[in-house]
Amino acid sequence: MFSKLASNYSKPKQALLFQTVGVLAFAIVVLFMEKFRFEWSVPGFTWAALGGFFAFIGFLTFFAALDQGKASTVVTLSALYPLVTILLSILFLHERLTPRQGIGIVFALIASVLLAA
């Protein structure tokens, strides 16, 4: 809801930048909670930074979609993002799906087609 309201008053890129202010405010709270101590590792930092980069891309496309479409459709379809995670987990982590999970994915895809129509 807040994202759609932001997209009503801002361009997608600007709405994302404004949202980042909220994230940074919470990051400061976390820094205080951790007493400014870091357990540093290059792989941990690299994977987290890549995750942040792709989350940023995802939020940017989300705001662009909200700018063009109805919030009810955009938000519902964007809630299917775990499908991307599942596919990447199968490809790169060699995880396996149960038949029940496969059926769930098929139903989710059918639902996305019905929602988008």
C-alpha atoms as a PDB file:
ATOM      1  CA  MET A   1       0.000   0.000   0.000  1.00  0.00           C
ATOM      2  CA  PHE A   2       2.750   2.478   0.935  1.00  0.00           C
ATOM      3  CA  SER A   3       4.597   1.672  -2.301  1.00  0.00           C
ATOM      4  CA  LYS A   4       1.547   2.444  -4.425  1.00  0.00           C
ATOM      5  CA  LEU A   5       0.994   5.698  -2.551  1.00  0.00           C
ATOM      6  CA  ALA A   6       4.650   6.609  -3.128  1.00  0.00           C
ATOM      7  CA  SER A   7       4.362   5.794  -6.829  1.00  0.00           C
ATOM      8  CA  ASN A   8       1.329   8.096  -7.068  1.00  0.00           C
ATOM      9  CA  TYR A   9       3.520  11.042  -6.075  1.00  0.00           C
ATOM     10  CA  SER A  10       7.007  10.085  -7.291  1.00  0.00           C
ATOM     11  CA  LYS A  11       8.725   8.589 -10.285  1.00  0.00           C
ATOM     12  CA  PRO A  12       9.715   4.923  -9.763  1.00  0.00           C
ATOM     13  CA  LYS A  13      13.434   5.659  -9.356  1.00  0.00           C
ATOM     14  CA  GLN A  14      12.765   8.480  -6.921  1.00  0.00           C
ATOM     15  CA  ALA A  15      10.275   6.399  -4.920  1.00  0.00           C
ATOM     16  CA  LEU A  16      12.967   3.748  -4.574  1.00  0.00           C
ATOM     17  CA  LEU A  17      15.477   6.318  -3.373  1.00  0.00           C
ATOM     18  CA  PHE A  18      12.961   7.647  -0.858  1.00  0.00           C
ATOM     19  CA  GLN A  19      12.288   4.096   0.336  1.00  0.00           C
ATOM     20  CA  THR A  20      16.025   3.694   0.867  1.00  0.00           C
ATOM     21  CA  VAL A  21      15.823   6.451   3.499  1.00  0.00           C
ATOM     22  CA  GLY A  22      13.536   4.176   5.516  1.00  0.00           C
ATOM     23  CA  VAL A  23      15.911   1.240   5.081  1.00  0.00           C
ATOM     24  CA  LEU A  24      18.886   3.327   6.179  1.00  0.00           C
ATOM     25  CA  ALA A  25      16.999   4.516   9.265  1.00  0.00           C
ATOM     26  CA  PHE A  26      16.389   0.913  10.258  1.00  0.00           C
ATOM     27  CA  ALA A  27      20.020   0.028   9.454  1.00  0.00           C
ATOM     28  CA  ILE A  28      21.117   2.618  12.017  1.00  0.00           C
ATOM     29  CA  VAL A  29      18.890   0.949  14.612  1.00  0.00           C
ATOM     30  CA  VAL A  30      20.490  -2.424  13.794  1.00  0.00           C
ATOM     31  CA  LEU A  31      23.970  -0.888  14.105  1.00  0.00           C
ATOM     32  CA  PHE A  32      23.109   0.254  17.635  1.00  0.00           C
ATOM     33  CA  MET A  33      21.653  -3.154  18.471  1.00  0.00           C
ATOM     34  CA  GLU A  34      24.897  -4.806  17.307  1.00  0.00           C
ATOM     35  CA  LYS A  35      26.941  -2.214  19.246  1.00  0.00           C
ATOM     36  CA  PHE A  36      28.716  -1.342  15.994  1.00  0.00           C
ATOM     37  CA  ARG A  37      30.528  -4.716  15.910  1.00  0.00           C
ATOM     38  CA  PHE A  38      30.865  -6.598  12.645  1.00  0.00           C
ATOM     39  CA  GLU A  39      31.833 -10.195  12.021  1.00  0.00           C
ATOM     40  CA  TRP A  40      33.489  -9.599   8.662  1.00  0.00           C
ATOM     41  CA  SER A  41      33.949 -12.177   5.926  1.00  0.00           C
ATOM     42  CA  VAL A  42      34.465 -11.559   2.233  1.00  0.00           C
ATOM     43  CA  PRO A  43      32.010 -14.262   1.083  1.00  0.00           C
ATOM     44  CA  GLY A  44      29.374 -13.059   3.565  1.00  0.00           C
ATOM     45  CA  PHE A  45      29.762  -9.461   2.435  1.00  0.00           C
ATOM     46  CA  THR A  46      29.835 -10.401  -1.268  1.00  0.00           C
ATOM     47  CA  TRP A  47      26.710 -12.551  -1.168  1.00  0.00           C
ATOM     48  CA  ALA A  48      24.834 -10.021   0.967  1.00  0.00           C
ATOM     49  CA  ALA A  49      25.859  -7.137  -1.324  1.00  0.00           C
ATOM     50  CA  LEU A  50      24.748  -9.105  -4.396  1.00  0.00           C
ATOM     51  CA  GLY A  51      21.458  -9.857  -2.661  1.00  0.00           C
ATOM     52  CA  GLY A  52      21.027  -6.159  -1.923  1.00  0.00           C
ATOM     53  CA  PHE A  53      21.843  -5.241  -5.516  1.00  0.00           C
ATOM     54  CA  PHE A  54      19.241  -7.621  -6.918  1.00  0.00           C
ATOM     55  CA  ALA A  55      16.697  -6.564  -4.283  1.00  0.00           C
ATOM     56  CA  PHE A  56      17.272  -2.972  -5.437  1.00  0.00           C
ATOM     57  CA  ILE A  57      16.618  -4.031  -9.055  1.00  0.00           C
ATOM     58  CA  GLY A  58      13.493  -5.888  -7.915  1.00  0.00           C
ATOM     59  CA  PHE A  59      12.172  -2.881  -6.021  1.00  0.00           C
ATOM     60  CA  LEU A  60      12.872  -0.619  -8.981  1.00  0.00           C
ATOM     61  CA  THR A  61      10.874  -2.850 -11.315  1.00  0.00           C
ATOM     62  CA  PHE A  62       8.163  -3.141  -8.653  1.00  0.00           C
ATOM     63  CA  PHE A  63       7.775   0.651  -8.460  1.00  0.00           C
ATOM     64  CA  ALA A  64       7.794   0.889 -12.254  1.00  0.00           C
ATOM     65  CA  ALA A  65       5.030  -1.728 -12.400  1.00  0.00           C
ATOM     66  CA  LEU A  66       3.013   0.146  -9.771  1.00  0.00           C
ATOM     67  CA  ASP A  67       3.398   3.285 -11.856  1.00  0.00           C
ATOM     68  CA  GLN A  68       1.847   1.493 -14.840  1.00  0.00           C
ATOM     69  CA  GLY A  69      -0.651  -0.907 -13.281  1.00  0.00           C
ATOM     70  CA  LYS A  70      -3.187  -1.492 -10.545  1.00  0.00           C
ATOM     71  CA  ALA A  71      -1.739  -2.117  -7.099  1.00  0.00           C
ATOM     72  CA  SER A  72      -3.991  -5.137  -6.553  1.00  0.00           C
ATOM     73  CA  THR A  73      -2.577  -6.894  -9.621  1.00  0.00           C
ATOM     74  CA  VAL A  74       1.045  -5.775  -9.277  1.00  0.00           C
ATOM     75  CA  VAL A  75       1.329  -6.652  -5.596  1.00  0.00           C
ATOM     76  CA  THR A  76      -0.323 -10.031  -6.058  1.00  0.00           C
ATOM     77  CA  LEU A  77       1.865 -10.971  -9.013  1.00  0.00           C
ATOM     78  CA  SER A  78       5.012  -9.724  -7.301  1.00  0.00           C
ATOM     79  CA  ALA A  79       4.155 -11.975  -4.360  1.00  0.00           C
ATOM     80  CA  LEU A  80       5.030 -14.876  -6.663  1.00  0.00           C
ATOM     81  CA  TYR A  81       8.732 -13.941  -6.448  1.00  0.00           C
ATOM     82  CA  PRO A  82       9.517 -17.146  -4.513  1.00  0.00           C
ATOM     83  CA  LEU A  83       9.051 -18.985  -7.817  1.00  0.00           C
ATOM     84  CA  VAL A  84      12.234 -17.320  -9.065  1.00  0.00           C
ATOM     85  CA  THR A  85      14.037 -18.379  -5.886  1.00  0.00           C
ATOM     86  CA  ILE A  86      12.796 -21.940  -6.307  1.00  0.00           C
ATOM     87  CA  LEU A  87      13.976 -22.113  -9.920  1.00  0.00           C
ATOM     88  CA  LEU A  88      17.382 -20.661  -9.014  1.00  0.00           C
ATOM     89  CA  SER A  89      17.665 -23.101  -6.105  1.00  0.00           C
ATOM     90  CA  ILE A  90      17.020 -25.996  -8.469  1.00  0.00           C
ATOM     91  CA  LEU A  91      19.546 -24.719 -11.013  1.00  0.00           C
ATOM     92  CA  PHE A  92      22.382 -23.619  -8.747  1.00  0.00           C
ATOM     93  CA  LEU A  93      21.888 -25.418  -5.434  1.00  0.00           C
ATOM     94  CA  HIS A  94      20.622 -28.661  -6.996  1.00  0.00           C
ATOM     95  CA  GLU A  95      17.609 -28.772  -4.709  1.00  0.00           C
ATOM     96  CA  ARG A  96      14.746 -31.062  -5.623  1.00  0.00           C
ATOM     97  CA  LEU A  97      11.024 -30.447  -5.606  1.00  0.00           C
ATOM     98  CA  THR A  98       8.473 -32.863  -4.264  1.00  0.00           C
ATOM     99  CA  PRO A  99       5.522 -33.642  -6.539  1.00  0.00           C
ATOM    100  CA  ARG A 100       3.327 -31.658  -4.158  1.00  0.00           C
ATOM    101  CA  GLN A 101       5.587 -28.593  -4.468  1.00  0.00           C
ATOM    102  CA  GLY A 102       5.585 -28.960  -8.263  1.00  0.00           C
ATOM    103  CA  ILE A 103       1.787 -28.976  -8.281  1.00  0.00           C
ATOM    104  CA  GLY A 104       1.819 -25.865  -6.086  1.00  0.00           C
ATOM    105  CA  ILE A 105       4.084 -24.099  -8.580  1.00  0.00           C
ATOM    106  CA  VAL A 106       1.798 -25.041 -11.461  1.00  0.00           C
ATOM    107  CA  PHE A 107      -1.200 -23.654  -9.561  1.00  0.00           C
ATOM    108  CA  ALA A 108       0.705 -20.455  -8.773  1.00  0.00           C
ATOM    109  CA  LEU A 109       1.514 -19.999 -12.461  1.00  0.00           C
ATOM    110  CA  ILE A 110      -2.109 -20.617 -13.422  1.00  0.00           C
ATOM    111  CA  ALA A 111      -3.175 -18.072 -10.794  1.00  0.00           C
ATOM    112  CA  SER A 112      -0.752 -15.493 -12.188  1.00  0.00           C
ATOM    113  CA  VAL A 113      -2.203 -15.929 -15.676  1.00  0.00           C
ATOM    114  CA  LEU A 114      -5.751 -15.574 -14.340  1.00  0.00           C
ATOM    115  CA  LEU A 115      -4.830 -12.478 -12.319  1.00  0.00           C
ATOM    116  CA  ALA A 116      -3.059 -10.793 -15.195  1.00  0.00           C
ATOM    117  CA  ALA A 117      -5.983 -11.292 -17.586  1.00  0.00           C
END
